Amino acid sequence: MFEDTTALSPATDPAYAHPYRRLFLASFSILFLELVLIRWVPSYVRMFGYFTNFILMGSLLGAGIGILTHRAARVRLLSFPVLLLVLVGFVLLNQFTFDVPTTDVLFYGAGQTAAERENYWVIPLIFAFLVLVFVPLGRELGRLLAMLPPLRAYGMDIAGSLAGIASFALLAYLSLPPVVWFAVFALVAWPLIAGQQKAFAAFTLAGVLLVVFVAGRSDVWSPYYRVIVTASEDGDGYILSVNNIAHQHAAHYENREGFYFRAYELLGKPAYKNVLIIGAGSGTDVAIALANGAQHVDSTSSAASSTPTIPMTIRASPCTSMTAAPSCATPRANTTSSSSPSPIRWC
């Protein structure tokens, strides 16, 4: 359960027979895990969505402390898999919606008009856990940098870091879920974190993967955000949340607010045959245009641009309950976005 730092000495451990390869894996693992946590933690603990630099600072501080103390063989730490499991568990147990109770600064989501008090100690505690998680990885990096020629070691360090960044970017681009991120990290970092208690490390890492999988099994992950779709309380449509922030309410167009119908009340009927909508949202304007006789509707969606998974999520829901119900069986409505190479038909 504890890291035996004396056993990890380059002079006694056969794992250091290939130091350059090990250095590459260490640099890869640090940058890859840093990006994983920058994406994953704010998707559950909303306050870190506003203060993502805390995650960056925590990871850099932990890695730096590890590098500076890599010779402190007498100081024993909890093994890395245990620290990671504690961090993951603590994050999931503290999924708060962040509001600041002040008239000067107010963070809020759709539908929120007031701020609620919450436990501010969550930020420093998660920051502390982040630091502790990266200390063992930083120690490993420090040992390797100390035993290799500086220029070659630095070059391998940069190569591993770039590879870690590129690998995570690819996983995010493919909209793969967090369990895949953590699994890739575990596979790459296994030679570094297994230690002398390989069975215990494997069991603990399996626990991390299981917890991450169960927590996000019903979510959809875009290249940028965690997207959650839940049925509205009144049963009329769905609430779409992004990173624990209410983002859109998709409901039948007849039940939406009156201002959506104002243009047709002012212009009268019949409506224009061709309609352009800038900012389609969840499709209410599109549905109303079609219901009022429009023959063709082109629209742009900021939601589709920033989170391309949202249109796919909406299309996967029953058409009879969605905002764009009138357009479900018609090719008359197309929505384009900067992130979509082809038009998206709402529903």
Protein backbone atom coordinates (compact mmCIF):
# COMPACT_ATOMS: atom_id res chain seq x y z
CA MET A 1 0.00 0.00 0.00
CA PHE A 2 3.00 2.26 0.46
CA GLU A 3 5.61 3.09 -2.15
CA ASP A 4 8.96 1.47 -1.33
CA THR A 5 11.29 4.17 -2.60
CA THR A 6 14.44 2.24 -1.81
CA ALA A 7 13.34 -0.56 -4.12
CA LEU A 8 12.91 1.96 -6.91
CA SER A 9 16.57 3.04 -6.81
CA PRO A 10 18.16 3.02 -10.29
CA ALA A 11 21.12 1.15 -8.80
CA THR A 12 19.06 -1.83 -7.66
CA ASP A 13 15.92 -1.97 -9.77
CA PRO A 14 16.20 -3.88 -13.11
CA ALA A 15 13.34 -1.77 -14.47
CA TYR A 16 15.90 0.97 -15.10
CA ALA A 17 17.74 -1.15 -17.65
CA HIS A 18 16.01 0.94 -20.35
CA PRO A 19 16.06 4.43 -18.82
CA TYR A 20 15.19 6.38 -21.98
CA ARG A 21 12.08 4.31 -22.58
CA ARG A 22 11.13 4.73 -18.93
CA LEU A 23 11.70 8.49 -19.15
CA PHE A 24 9.45 8.68 -22.21
CA LEU A 25 6.70 6.80 -20.35
CA ALA A 26 7.06 9.04 -17.29
CA SER A 27 6.76 12.26 -19.29
CA PHE A 28 3.89 10.84 -21.34
CA SER A 29 2.03 9.76 -18.19
CA ILE A 30 2.36 13.10 -16.39
CA LEU A 31 1.07 15.20 -19.29
CA PHE A 32 -1.60 12.69 -20.25
CA LEU A 33 -2.97 12.39 -16.70
CA GLU A 34 -2.85 16.16 -16.27
CA LEU A 35 -5.12 16.61 -19.31
CA VAL A 36 -7.38 13.76 -18.20
CA LEU A 37 -7.98 15.43 -14.84
CA ILE A 38 -8.41 18.89 -16.40
CA ARG A 39 -11.26 17.40 -18.48
CA TRP A 40 -12.70 14.97 -15.94
CA VAL A 41 -12.73 16.84 -12.61
CA PRO A 42 -14.68 19.94 -13.81
CA SER A 43 -17.30 17.70 -15.43
CA TYR A 44 -18.33 16.55 -11.95
CA VAL A 45 -17.21 19.31 -9.58
CA ARG A 46 -18.57 22.36 -11.32
CA MET A 47 -16.51 24.92 -9.43
CA PHE A 48 -13.38 23.64 -11.21
CA GLY A 49 -15.05 24.47 -14.50
CA TYR A 50 -14.54 28.12 -13.53
CA PHE A 51 -11.12 27.58 -11.93
CA THR A 52 -9.42 24.97 -14.15
CA ASN A 53 -6.04 26.55 -13.47
CA PHE A 54 -6.18 25.02 -9.98
CA ILE A 55 -5.91 21.57 -11.58
CA LEU A 56 -2.99 22.69 -13.72
CA MET A 57 -1.23 24.28 -10.75
CA GLY A 58 -1.85 21.22 -8.54
CA SER A 59 -0.43 18.82 -11.09
CA LEU A 60 2.63 20.98 -11.77
CA LEU A 61 3.23 21.53 -8.06
CA GLY A 62 2.98 17.82 -7.32
CA ALA A 63 5.29 16.85 -10.17
CA GLY A 64 7.74 19.57 -9.13
CA ILE A 65 7.79 18.41 -5.51
CA GLY A 66 8.38 14.87 -6.72
CA ILE A 67 11.32 15.93 -8.90
CA LEU A 68 12.89 17.94 -6.09
CA THR A 69 12.52 15.11 -3.55
CA HIS A 70 13.41 12.14 -5.74
CA ARG A 71 16.43 11.40 -3.55
CA ALA A 72 14.35 11.28 -0.33
CA ALA A 73 14.28 7.49 -0.14
CA ARG A 74 13.33 7.48 3.53
CA VAL A 75 10.06 9.32 2.91
CA ARG A 76 7.40 6.73 2.13
CA LEU A 77 4.25 7.70 0.28
CA LEU A 78 0.96 5.99 -0.34
CA SER A 79 1.24 4.09 -3.60
CA PHE A 80 0.11 5.95 -6.69
CA PRO A 81 -2.91 3.69 -7.45
CA VAL A 82 -4.26 4.31 -3.93
CA LEU A 83 -3.83 8.08 -4.28
CA LEU A 84 -5.58 8.06 -7.65
CA LEU A 85 -8.47 5.99 -6.29
CA VAL A 86 -8.87 8.40 -3.34
CA LEU A 87 -8.91 11.39 -5.70
CA VAL A 88 -11.47 9.82 -8.04
CA GLY A 89 -13.71 8.78 -5.15
CA PHE A 90 -13.55 12.18 -3.47
CA VAL A 91 -14.42 13.99 -6.70
CA LEU A 92 -17.47 11.81 -7.31
CA LEU A 93 -18.67 12.21 -3.72
CA ASN A 94 -18.56 16.00 -4.03
CA GLN A 95 -20.46 16.76 -7.22
CA PHE A 96 -21.53 20.25 -6.28
CA THR A 97 -23.20 22.94 -8.32
CA PHE A 98 -21.07 25.99 -7.67
CA ASP A 99 -22.75 29.26 -6.70
CA VAL A 100 -21.12 32.17 -4.89
CA PRO A 101 -23.46 33.83 -2.34
CA THR A 102 -22.61 37.44 -3.09
CA THR A 103 -24.17 40.26 -5.06
CA ASP A 104 -20.82 41.07 -6.64
CA VAL A 105 -20.10 37.72 -8.29
CA LEU A 106 -22.69 35.14 -9.26
CA PHE A 107 -22.08 31.91 -11.12
CA TYR A 108 -25.27 30.34 -12.33
CA GLY A 109 -26.76 27.98 -14.91
CA ALA A 110 -29.95 28.01 -16.93
CA GLY A 111 -32.96 28.44 -14.67
CA GLN A 112 -30.96 29.61 -11.65
CA THR A 113 -31.80 33.00 -10.15
CA ALA A 114 -30.20 32.68 -6.71
CA ALA A 115 -26.95 31.45 -5.22
CA GLU A 116 -26.71 28.62 -2.71
CA ARG A 117 -24.07 28.11 -0.06
CA GLU A 118 -21.80 25.12 -0.35
CA ASN A 119 -18.64 23.64 1.12
CA TYR A 120 -15.71 25.74 -0.02
CA TRP A 121 -13.22 23.32 1.53
CA VAL A 122 -13.76 21.09 -1.51
CA ILE A 123 -11.41 23.24 -3.61
CA PRO A 124 -8.36 23.05 -1.30
CA LEU A 125 -8.94 19.35 -0.57
CA ILE A 126 -9.11 18.37 -4.22
CA PHE A 127 -6.10 20.60 -4.87
CA ALA A 128 -4.19 18.75 -2.14
CA PHE A 129 -5.16 15.36 -3.57
CA LEU A 130 -4.02 16.51 -7.02
CA VAL A 131 -0.63 17.47 -5.63
CA LEU A 132 -0.24 14.12 -3.86
CA VAL A 133 -1.22 12.15 -6.97
CA PHE A 134 1.55 13.73 -9.06
CA VAL A 135 4.32 13.49 -6.46
CA PRO A 136 5.11 9.77 -7.18
CA LEU A 137 5.19 10.41 -10.92
CA GLY A 138 7.41 13.45 -10.39
CA ARG A 139 9.81 11.40 -8.25
CA GLU A 140 10.15 8.87 -11.03
CA LEU A 141 10.81 11.61 -13.55
CA GLY A 142 13.38 13.20 -11.22
CA ARG A 143 15.32 9.95 -10.80
CA LEU A 144 15.51 9.44 -14.55
CA LEU A 145 16.52 13.02 -15.33
CA ALA A 146 19.30 12.77 -12.72
CA MET A 147 20.79 9.57 -14.11
CA LEU A 148 20.85 10.50 -17.83
CA PRO A 149 22.82 13.08 -19.86
CA PRO A 150 20.92 16.38 -19.58
CA LEU A 151 20.33 17.20 -23.26
CA ARG A 152 19.26 13.69 -24.26
CA ALA A 153 17.09 13.38 -21.17
CA TYR A 154 15.43 16.71 -21.86
CA GLY A 155 14.79 15.75 -25.48
CA MET A 156 13.14 12.49 -24.43
CA ASP A 157 11.16 14.36 -21.79
CA ILE A 158 9.78 16.75 -24.43
CA ALA A 159 9.00 13.87 -26.81
CA GLY A 160 7.04 11.99 -24.15
CA SER A 161 5.14 15.12 -23.14
CA LEU A 162 4.14 15.90 -26.74
CA ALA A 163 3.09 12.29 -27.28
CA GLY A 164 0.90 12.44 -24.17
CA ILE A 165 -0.77 15.64 -25.32
CA ALA A 166 -1.37 14.31 -28.84
CA SER A 167 -2.76 11.01 -27.54
CA PHE A 168 -5.28 12.67 -25.27
CA ALA A 169 -6.29 15.09 -28.03
CA LEU A 170 -7.04 12.10 -30.26
CA LEU A 171 -9.15 10.37 -27.58
CA ALA A 172 -11.09 13.60 -26.99
CA TYR A 173 -11.61 14.12 -30.72
CA LEU A 174 -13.09 10.62 -30.97
CA SER A 175 -15.51 11.46 -28.11
CA LEU A 176 -14.37 8.44 -26.13
CA PRO A 177 -15.54 8.19 -22.49
CA PRO A 178 -13.29 8.76 -19.45
CA VAL A 179 -12.94 5.06 -18.67
CA VAL A 180 -10.93 4.81 -21.91
CA TRP A 181 -8.75 7.76 -20.87
CA PHE A 182 -7.93 6.20 -17.51
CA ALA A 183 -7.39 2.77 -19.10
CA VAL A 184 -4.87 4.18 -21.58
CA PHE A 185 -3.07 5.95 -18.76
CA ALA A 186 -2.97 2.77 -16.65
CA LEU A 187 -1.51 0.75 -19.54
CA VAL A 188 1.17 3.32 -20.36
CA ALA A 189 2.10 4.09 -16.76
CA TRP A 190 1.98 0.48 -15.51
CA PRO A 191 5.79 -0.03 -15.58
CA LEU A 192 6.13 3.11 -13.45
CA ILE A 193 3.36 2.60 -10.89
CA ALA A 194 3.18 -1.17 -10.40
CA GLY A 195 6.00 -1.21 -7.85
CA GLN A 196 6.70 -4.33 -5.83
CA GLN A 197 3.03 -5.07 -5.10
CA LYS A 198 1.79 -5.67 -8.62
CA ALA A 199 -1.35 -7.58 -7.62
CA PHE A 200 -2.42 -4.84 -5.23
CA ALA A 201 -1.69 -2.13 -7.82
CA ALA A 202 -3.69 -3.97 -10.49
CA PHE A 203 -6.63 -4.45 -8.12
CA THR A 204 -6.61 -0.77 -7.14
CA LEU A 205 -6.39 0.46 -10.73
CA ALA A 206 -9.25 -1.87 -11.66
CA GLY A 207 -11.22 -0.17 -8.88
CA VAL A 208 -10.45 3.23 -10.40
CA LEU A 209 -11.67 2.10 -13.83
CA LEU A 210 -14.82 0.57 -12.35
CA VAL A 211 -15.69 3.73 -10.41
CA VAL A 212 -15.09 5.96 -13.44
CA PHE A 213 -17.14 3.67 -15.68
CA VAL A 214 -20.11 3.45 -13.31
CA ALA A 215 -20.12 7.21 -12.74
CA GLY A 216 -20.27 8.05 -16.45
CA ARG A 217 -22.02 5.07 -17.99
CA SER A 218 -25.17 7.03 -18.90
CA ASP A 219 -23.38 10.18 -20.06
CA VAL A 220 -22.33 11.27 -23.54
CA TRP A 221 -18.87 12.76 -23.90
CA SER A 222 -18.18 15.30 -26.62
CA PRO A 223 -14.65 16.44 -27.49
CA TYR A 224 -15.14 19.23 -24.94
CA TYR A 225 -17.83 18.38 -22.38
CA ARG A 226 -19.84 15.80 -20.46
CA VAL A 227 -23.38 15.87 -21.85
CA ILE A 228 -26.31 14.59 -19.75
CA VAL A 229 -29.90 14.23 -20.98
CA THR A 230 -32.69 13.76 -18.42
CA ALA A 231 -36.48 13.85 -18.74
CA SER A 232 -38.03 17.09 -17.49
CA GLU A 233 -40.12 16.94 -14.32
CA ASP A 234 -43.35 17.77 -16.15
CA GLY A 235 -42.71 15.00 -18.67
CA ASP A 236 -42.71 17.44 -21.58
CA GLY A 237 -39.31 16.99 -23.19
CA TYR A 238 -35.79 16.81 -21.85
CA ILE A 239 -33.25 18.83 -19.89
CA LEU A 240 -29.82 18.83 -21.48
CA SER A 241 -26.95 19.60 -19.09
CA VAL A 242 -23.29 20.17 -19.88
CA ASN A 243 -20.74 19.57 -17.11
CA ASN A 244 -23.50 19.70 -14.46
CA ILE A 245 -24.81 23.00 -15.84
CA ALA A 246 -28.34 23.14 -17.29
CA HIS A 247 -27.81 24.04 -20.94
CA GLN A 248 -31.05 23.58 -22.88
CA HIS A 249 -34.68 22.60 -22.38
CA ALA A 250 -35.98 20.61 -25.33
CA ALA A 251 -39.78 20.41 -25.31
CA HIS A 252 -42.68 20.43 -27.78
CA TYR A 253 -42.77 23.76 -29.56
CA GLU A 254 -46.40 24.46 -28.60
CA ASN A 255 -45.42 24.60 -24.93
CA ARG A 256 -42.56 27.06 -25.28
CA GLU A 257 -42.46 30.73 -24.28
CA GLY A 258 -44.56 33.26 -26.15
CA PHE A 259 -41.66 35.26 -27.58
CA TYR A 260 -40.84 32.37 -29.89
CA PHE A 261 -44.10 33.07 -31.77
CA ARG A 262 -43.76 36.86 -31.86
CA ALA A 263 -42.29 37.10 -35.36
CA TYR A 264 -45.22 35.23 -36.88
CA GLU A 265 -47.74 37.27 -34.91
CA LEU A 266 -46.19 40.48 -36.26
CA LEU A 267 -45.62 39.34 -39.85
CA GLY A 268 -48.84 37.40 -40.15
CA LYS A 269 -49.52 34.37 -42.31
CA PRO A 270 -48.59 32.84 -44.65
CA ALA A 271 -45.01 32.76 -43.45
CA TYR A 272 -42.00 33.22 -45.68
CA LYS A 273 -41.17 30.09 -47.66
CA ASN A 274 -37.45 30.26 -46.89
CA VAL A 275 -36.30 30.97 -43.35
CA LEU A 276 -32.80 31.50 -41.93
CA ILE A 277 -32.33 31.06 -38.17
CA ILE A 278 -29.08 32.11 -36.51
CA GLY A 279 -28.69 30.30 -33.20
CA ALA A 280 -31.08 27.35 -33.44
CA GLY A 281 -30.51 26.12 -29.88
CA SER A 282 -32.53 22.97 -29.31
CA GLY A 283 -34.69 23.54 -32.39
CA THR A 284 -37.70 25.53 -31.13
CA ASP A 285 -37.41 28.24 -33.81
CA VAL A 286 -37.03 25.61 -36.51
CA ALA A 287 -40.12 23.72 -35.35
CA ILE A 288 -42.25 26.87 -35.16
CA ALA A 289 -41.12 28.02 -38.61
CA LEU A 290 -42.14 24.69 -40.12
CA ALA A 291 -45.43 24.71 -38.23
CA ASN A 292 -46.18 28.14 -39.69
CA GLY A 293 -45.76 27.05 -43.29
CA ALA A 294 -42.06 27.54 -44.06
CA GLN A 295 -40.97 25.38 -46.97
CA HIS A 296 -37.25 25.39 -46.18
CA VAL A 297 -35.34 26.33 -43.03
CA ASP A 298 -31.60 26.84 -42.78
CA SER A 299 -30.18 27.44 -39.33
CA THR A 300 -26.91 27.67 -37.48
CA SER A 301 -26.44 26.31 -34.00
CA SER A 302 -23.89 27.56 -31.48
CA ALA A 303 -24.61 24.45 -29.43
CA ALA A 304 -23.69 22.25 -32.37
CA SER A 305 -20.52 24.27 -32.90
CA SER A 306 -19.26 24.12 -29.33
CA THR A 307 -20.54 20.64 -28.51
CA PRO A 308 -21.11 18.55 -31.67
CA THR A 309 -22.42 15.67 -29.58
CA ILE A 310 -25.54 17.66 -28.61
CA PRO A 311 -27.36 17.32 -31.97
CA MET A 312 -26.65 13.58 -31.99
CA THR A 313 -27.99 13.32 -28.44
CA ILE A 314 -31.16 15.15 -29.38
CA ARG A 315 -31.68 13.02 -32.47
CA ALA A 316 -31.37 9.90 -30.33
CA SER A 317 -34.39 10.97 -28.24
CA PRO A 318 -38.04 10.28 -29.16
CA CYS A 319 -39.21 12.81 -31.74
CA THR A 320 -42.69 13.13 -30.23
CA SER A 321 -41.22 14.68 -27.10
CA MET A 322 -38.58 16.92 -28.62
CA THR A 323 -38.70 20.58 -29.53
CA ALA A 324 -38.45 19.95 -33.26
CA ALA A 325 -41.34 17.51 -33.41
CA PRO A 326 -42.87 18.95 -36.64
CA SER A 327 -39.57 18.50 -38.48
CA CYS A 328 -39.01 14.87 -37.52
CA ALA A 329 -40.27 13.44 -40.78
CA THR A 330 -39.29 16.23 -43.13
CA PRO A 331 -36.09 17.07 -45.03
CA ARG A 332 -37.02 20.77 -44.95
CA ALA A 333 -34.85 21.73 -41.97
CA ASN A 334 -31.08 21.70 -41.92
CA THR A 335 -28.76 22.96 -39.21
CA THR A 336 -25.10 23.62 -39.90
CA SER A 337 -22.24 24.32 -37.52
CA SER A 338 -18.53 25.01 -37.72
CA SER A 339 -17.81 21.58 -36.21
CA SER A 340 -20.13 19.63 -38.51
CA PRO A 341 -19.00 18.99 -42.13
CA SER A 342 -22.59 18.36 -43.27
CA PRO A 343 -26.05 19.69 -42.33
CA ILE A 344 -27.62 18.31 -39.16
CA ARG A 345 -31.33 17.55 -39.28
CA TRP A 346 -32.87 18.30 -35.92
CA CYS A 347 -34.55 15.23 -34.41
